[in-house]
Amino acid sequence: MSTRAVPDRIDPGPLAGRRVLVARAVHQQGGLSDRLRTLGADPVEVPLLAIEPPADDGMALRAAARDLAAGRIGVVGITSPNGAAALVAVADEVVGAREALATAWVGCVGPGTARRFVEVAGREPDLVAPVHTTAGLGAAFPAPDDIGRGDRVLLPRADIASSELPAALADGGWRVDDVHAYRTRLVTDLPDDVLDRLGSGAIDAVAAGSPSTVDALVAALDGRDLRALLVSIGPVTSARARQHDLGVAAEADPHDLDGLVLAVTTALGAA
């Protein structure tokens, strides 16, 4: 009878014992936290953002969905998983919109957004930007004549999204329907114990997945020191951190959750 050898030691992972603040909205925390746990980290889940319905309760998005159903819009650019989910939810309420979305030309900002679009829409996008930023999506977007679906493009986005992508698409010949699909609220009333741990170094790193996350973090700290390392998902988030005079320990490349986890590992390995 054979016996299986038992290893003397199980590798705890490169982030063993490290505490990383996962600041994403509640419904989005799991993907990042799970990745960190597989590397031995202890995620501290404290949402700094909340995703809410837009101020007009979705009226503009429903109007855009009706234009999709009527064939007046045939191209969509999606810049976030939340935008993908909001668009499909409204398309399910408007007669013919879901069918129109099934045949529309769709470009996504990156693989995470593309995965969410596939989950909710049941189809692959036509384009995933090779550089996973809004600037990257704008640069990769074809001209209207190259797609052949008219010159109107729908962007279902957050209320605080920048004007960079609409401007780039307009320069490329598109008529842009930039619609608030959801509202991002900054959560700044963090528990005192979390603020104390951020200031004392008991939390090793903050994984910042957006510029608004950085804004919320700064507002929550309200002048307190941040002794945790700040790790950014991409150049726009890094730039926002520097605007607040925060150092960036590492920046994700690629600019998605896997890249963010790699950047956290790199930053803490060098600490």
Protein backbone atom coordinates (compact mmCIF):
# COMPACT_ATOMS: atom_id res chain seq x y z
CA MET A 1 0.00 0.00 0.00
CA SER A 2 1.51 3.29 -1.10
CA THR A 3 1.36 6.46 0.86
CA ARG A 4 1.38 9.96 -0.59
CA ALA A 5 4.20 12.18 0.54
CA VAL A 6 3.10 15.18 2.56
CA PRO A 7 5.03 18.37 1.82
CA ASP A 8 6.96 19.79 4.74
CA ARG A 9 5.54 23.25 4.06
CA ILE A 10 2.70 24.64 1.99
CA ASP A 11 3.64 27.84 0.18
CA PRO A 12 1.36 30.49 1.71
CA GLY A 13 1.54 32.70 -1.39
CA PRO A 14 3.45 35.89 -2.18
CA LEU A 15 0.93 38.09 -0.35
CA ALA A 16 0.63 35.94 2.77
CA GLY A 17 -0.37 38.03 5.76
CA ARG A 18 -0.71 41.22 3.73
CA ARG A 19 -3.85 43.29 4.14
CA VAL A 20 -5.14 44.99 1.01
CA LEU A 21 -8.03 47.45 0.98
CA VAL A 22 -10.53 46.47 -1.70
CA ALA A 23 -12.44 49.68 -2.26
CA ARG A 24 -14.76 48.70 -5.11
CA ALA A 25 -18.55 48.98 -4.95
CA VAL A 26 -20.15 46.19 -2.92
CA HIS A 27 -21.38 44.16 -5.90
CA GLN A 28 -17.94 44.30 -7.54
CA GLN A 29 -15.66 43.39 -4.65
CA GLY A 30 -15.64 39.63 -5.12
CA GLY A 31 -13.55 39.39 -8.28
CA LEU A 32 -10.63 41.36 -6.85
CA SER A 33 -10.87 39.87 -3.36
CA ASP A 34 -10.88 36.31 -4.71
CA ARG A 35 -7.77 36.98 -6.78
CA LEU A 36 -5.97 38.42 -3.77
CA ARG A 37 -6.96 35.52 -1.51
CA THR A 38 -5.48 32.99 -3.92
CA LEU A 39 -2.13 34.72 -3.32
CA GLY A 40 -2.52 34.60 0.46
CA ALA A 41 -3.66 38.19 1.05
CA ASP A 42 -6.29 39.28 3.53
CA PRO A 43 -8.67 41.58 1.61
CA VAL A 44 -10.26 44.36 3.64
CA GLU A 45 -13.52 45.04 1.83
CA VAL A 46 -14.59 48.63 2.40
CA PRO A 47 -16.49 50.15 -0.53
CA LEU A 48 -15.49 53.69 -1.37
CA LEU A 49 -18.03 53.86 -4.20
CA ALA A 50 -21.73 53.13 -4.55
CA ILE A 51 -23.45 52.59 -7.91
CA GLU A 52 -26.94 54.08 -8.10
CA PRO A 53 -29.58 54.81 -10.77
CA PRO A 54 -29.00 57.98 -12.79
CA ALA A 55 -30.61 61.24 -11.72
CA ASP A 56 -33.27 60.97 -14.45
CA ASP A 57 -34.14 57.41 -13.31
CA GLY A 58 -33.03 56.03 -16.67
CA MET A 59 -35.22 58.13 -18.97
CA ALA A 60 -32.36 59.07 -21.31
CA LEU A 61 -31.10 55.50 -21.45
CA ARG A 62 -34.57 54.20 -22.29
CA ALA A 63 -34.84 56.78 -25.08
CA ALA A 64 -31.50 55.56 -26.43
CA ALA A 65 -32.74 51.97 -26.24
CA ARG A 66 -35.78 52.96 -28.30
CA ASP A 67 -33.42 54.46 -30.89
CA LEU A 68 -31.51 51.17 -30.92
CA ALA A 69 -34.75 49.26 -31.47
CA ALA A 70 -35.77 51.62 -34.29
CA GLY A 71 -32.40 51.28 -36.04
CA ARG A 72 -31.43 54.91 -35.47
CA ILE A 73 -28.39 53.79 -33.45
CA GLY A 74 -26.37 50.78 -34.52
CA VAL A 75 -23.08 51.27 -32.66
CA VAL A 76 -22.35 51.14 -28.91
CA GLY A 77 -19.21 51.90 -26.91
CA ILE A 78 -19.10 50.44 -23.41
CA THR A 79 -16.59 51.73 -20.90
CA SER A 80 -17.42 49.78 -17.72
CA PRO A 81 -19.13 46.62 -16.45
CA ASN A 82 -21.75 48.83 -14.81
CA GLY A 83 -22.53 50.48 -18.14
CA ALA A 84 -22.93 47.09 -19.80
CA ALA A 85 -25.32 45.88 -17.12
CA ALA A 86 -27.38 49.09 -17.13
CA LEU A 87 -27.76 49.07 -20.91
CA VAL A 88 -28.89 45.46 -21.08
CA ALA A 89 -31.31 45.92 -18.18
CA VAL A 90 -33.00 48.81 -19.97
CA ALA A 91 -32.90 47.00 -23.33
CA ASP A 92 -34.93 44.22 -21.72
CA GLU A 93 -37.65 46.78 -20.92
CA VAL A 94 -37.91 48.28 -24.42
CA VAL A 95 -39.58 46.30 -27.18
CA GLY A 96 -37.07 45.30 -29.83
CA ALA A 97 -34.05 46.80 -28.06
CA ARG A 98 -32.56 43.50 -26.92
CA GLU A 99 -32.83 42.12 -30.45
CA ALA A 100 -31.20 45.26 -31.82
CA LEU A 101 -28.39 45.00 -29.30
CA ALA A 102 -27.75 41.45 -30.45
CA THR A 103 -26.81 42.71 -33.91
CA ALA A 104 -25.35 46.14 -33.03
CA TRP A 105 -21.62 46.80 -33.38
CA VAL A 106 -20.20 46.94 -29.86
CA GLY A 107 -16.78 48.10 -28.66
CA CYS A 108 -15.59 47.57 -25.06
CA VAL A 109 -12.84 49.34 -23.16
CA GLY A 110 -11.17 46.19 -21.85
CA PRO A 111 -11.52 42.48 -21.06
CA GLY A 112 -13.32 42.96 -17.73
CA THR A 113 -16.00 45.08 -19.37
CA ALA A 114 -16.16 42.65 -22.28
CA ARG A 115 -16.69 39.70 -19.92
CA ARG A 116 -19.53 41.52 -18.19
CA PHE A 117 -21.08 42.39 -21.54
CA VAL A 118 -20.97 38.73 -22.57
CA GLU A 119 -22.57 37.71 -19.26
CA VAL A 120 -25.51 40.09 -19.57
CA ALA A 121 -25.95 40.32 -23.34
CA GLY A 122 -25.11 36.75 -24.32
CA ARG A 123 -22.77 37.76 -27.15
CA GLU A 124 -19.20 38.83 -27.74
CA PRO A 125 -18.33 42.47 -28.48
CA ASP A 126 -16.88 43.36 -31.86
CA LEU A 127 -13.91 45.19 -30.35
CA VAL A 128 -11.94 45.04 -27.12
CA ALA A 129 -9.53 47.96 -26.98
CA PRO A 130 -5.91 46.75 -26.90
CA VAL A 131 -5.08 49.54 -24.42
CA HIS A 132 -7.66 49.26 -21.64
CA THR A 133 -8.45 52.94 -21.11
CA THR A 134 -11.05 55.29 -22.53
CA ALA A 135 -8.30 56.91 -24.57
CA GLY A 136 -7.37 53.46 -25.84
CA LEU A 137 -10.95 52.75 -26.83
CA GLY A 138 -11.18 56.07 -28.63
CA ALA A 139 -7.97 55.37 -30.54
CA ALA A 140 -9.09 51.86 -31.52
CA PHE A 141 -12.62 52.83 -32.56
CA PRO A 142 -13.15 52.55 -36.34
CA ALA A 143 -14.60 55.37 -38.41
CA PRO A 144 -18.34 55.32 -39.16
CA ASP A 145 -17.78 54.29 -42.80
CA ASP A 146 -15.63 51.36 -41.68
CA ILE A 147 -18.46 49.92 -39.60
CA GLY A 148 -21.34 50.82 -41.89
CA ARG A 149 -24.03 51.21 -39.21
CA GLY A 150 -24.59 54.95 -39.48
CA ASP A 151 -22.72 57.67 -37.64
CA ARG A 152 -24.45 57.61 -34.22
CA VAL A 153 -22.74 55.87 -31.31
CA LEU A 154 -24.27 55.28 -27.89
CA LEU A 155 -22.07 55.59 -24.80
CA PRO A 156 -23.89 54.36 -21.65
CA ARG A 157 -21.63 55.78 -18.95
CA ALA A 158 -21.34 57.08 -15.41
CA ASP A 159 -22.46 60.58 -14.55
CA ILE A 160 -18.88 61.48 -13.60
CA ALA A 161 -17.21 60.06 -16.71
CA SER A 162 -14.73 62.39 -18.42
CA SER A 163 -15.30 64.04 -21.80
CA GLU A 164 -12.19 62.43 -23.32
CA LEU A 165 -13.90 59.56 -25.15
CA PRO A 166 -16.87 61.53 -26.58
CA ALA A 167 -14.45 64.17 -27.83
CA ALA A 168 -12.22 61.56 -29.49
CA LEU A 169 -15.16 59.89 -31.18
CA ALA A 170 -16.57 63.21 -32.36
CA ASP A 171 -13.18 64.01 -33.88
CA GLY A 172 -13.46 60.68 -35.71
CA GLY A 173 -16.74 61.62 -37.34
CA TRP A 174 -19.21 60.16 -34.85
CA ARG A 175 -22.38 61.75 -33.51
CA VAL A 176 -22.16 60.78 -29.85
CA ASP A 177 -25.12 59.93 -27.62
CA ASP A 178 -23.38 60.25 -24.25
CA VAL A 179 -25.99 58.96 -21.80
CA HIS A 180 -25.87 58.71 -18.02
CA ALA A 181 -26.55 55.03 -17.42
CA TYR A 182 -25.74 55.10 -13.70
CA ARG A 183 -24.55 57.41 -10.97
CA THR A 184 -21.36 56.95 -8.96
CA ARG A 185 -21.54 58.16 -5.37
CA LEU A 186 -18.40 58.57 -3.30
CA VAL A 187 -18.56 56.81 0.07
CA THR A 188 -16.50 58.85 2.50
CA ASP A 189 -17.78 57.83 5.95
CA LEU A 190 -15.39 54.96 6.58
CA PRO A 191 -15.32 53.16 9.95
CA ASP A 192 -12.86 54.65 12.44
CA ASP A 193 -10.94 51.40 12.76
CA VAL A 194 -10.33 51.31 9.00
CA LEU A 195 -9.10 54.91 9.03
CA ASP A 196 -6.80 54.09 11.95
CA ARG A 197 -5.39 51.07 10.12
CA LEU A 198 -4.79 53.09 6.95
CA GLY A 199 -2.92 55.68 8.98
CA SER A 200 -0.91 53.23 11.08
CA GLY A 201 0.23 50.91 8.31
CA ALA A 202 -1.90 48.01 9.56
CA ILE A 203 -3.36 47.94 6.04
CA ASP A 204 -0.48 47.37 3.64
CA ALA A 205 -1.96 48.56 0.35
CA VAL A 206 -4.99 50.17 -1.25
CA ALA A 207 -6.04 48.78 -4.63
CA ALA A 208 -7.46 51.81 -6.47
CA GLY A 209 -9.56 50.81 -9.45
CA SER A 210 -10.66 54.24 -10.64
CA PRO A 211 -10.00 57.98 -10.22
CA SER A 212 -13.22 58.30 -8.22
CA THR A 213 -11.91 55.70 -5.77
CA VAL A 214 -8.92 57.96 -5.14
CA ASP A 215 -11.22 60.97 -4.68
CA ALA A 216 -13.31 59.08 -2.13
CA LEU A 217 -10.22 57.84 -0.29
CA VAL A 218 -8.83 61.36 0.06
CA ALA A 219 -12.18 62.70 1.25
CA ALA A 220 -12.51 59.87 3.77
CA LEU A 221 -9.01 60.44 5.15
CA ASP A 222 -9.85 64.14 5.62
CA GLY A 223 -6.25 65.18 6.13
CA ARG A 224 -5.03 62.03 7.89
CA ASP A 225 -1.83 60.40 6.72
CA LEU A 226 -2.00 57.38 4.42
CA ARG A 227 0.69 54.84 5.29
CA ALA A 228 -0.69 52.12 3.03
CA LEU A 229 0.83 51.85 -0.43
CA LEU A 230 -1.44 53.12 -3.19
CA VAL A 231 -1.63 50.81 -6.21
CA SER A 232 -3.38 52.10 -9.32
CA ILE A 233 -5.23 50.27 -12.08
CA GLY A 234 -4.00 52.63 -14.79
CA PRO A 235 -2.61 56.00 -15.86
CA VAL A 236 -5.79 58.01 -15.35
CA THR A 237 -6.12 56.75 -11.78
CA SER A 238 -2.42 57.37 -11.16
CA ALA A 239 -2.75 60.92 -12.44
CA ARG A 240 -5.67 61.57 -10.08
CA ALA A 241 -3.63 60.25 -7.15
CA ARG A 242 -0.77 62.60 -7.98
CA GLN A 243 -3.20 65.50 -8.21
CA HIS A 244 -3.96 64.74 -4.56
CA ASP A 245 -0.21 64.58 -3.76
CA LEU A 246 -0.37 60.83 -3.20
CA GLY A 247 2.46 58.60 -4.31
CA VAL A 248 1.72 55.63 -6.56
CA ALA A 249 3.64 52.51 -5.55
CA ALA A 250 2.77 50.57 -8.71
CA GLU A 251 0.50 50.84 -11.73
CA ALA A 252 -1.30 47.91 -13.33
CA ASP A 253 -0.30 46.76 -16.80
CA PRO A 254 -2.57 45.57 -18.31
CA HIS A 255 -5.15 47.93 -16.83
CA ASP A 256 -7.55 45.30 -15.50
CA LEU A 257 -8.08 43.28 -12.32
CA ASP A 258 -5.36 40.75 -13.12
CA GLY A 259 -2.94 43.59 -13.79
CA LEU A 260 -4.00 45.30 -10.56
CA VAL A 261 -3.31 42.16 -8.53
CA LEU A 262 0.11 41.82 -10.19
CA ALA A 263 0.84 45.47 -9.37
CA VAL A 264 -0.16 44.93 -5.73
CA THR A 265 2.17 41.92 -5.58
CA THR A 266 4.98 43.94 -7.11
CA ALA A 267 4.48 46.90 -4.79
CA LEU A 268 4.37 44.80 -1.63
CA GLY A 269 7.29 42.68 -2.74
CA ALA A 270 9.38 45.81 -3.04
CA ALA A 271 8.16 47.28 0.27
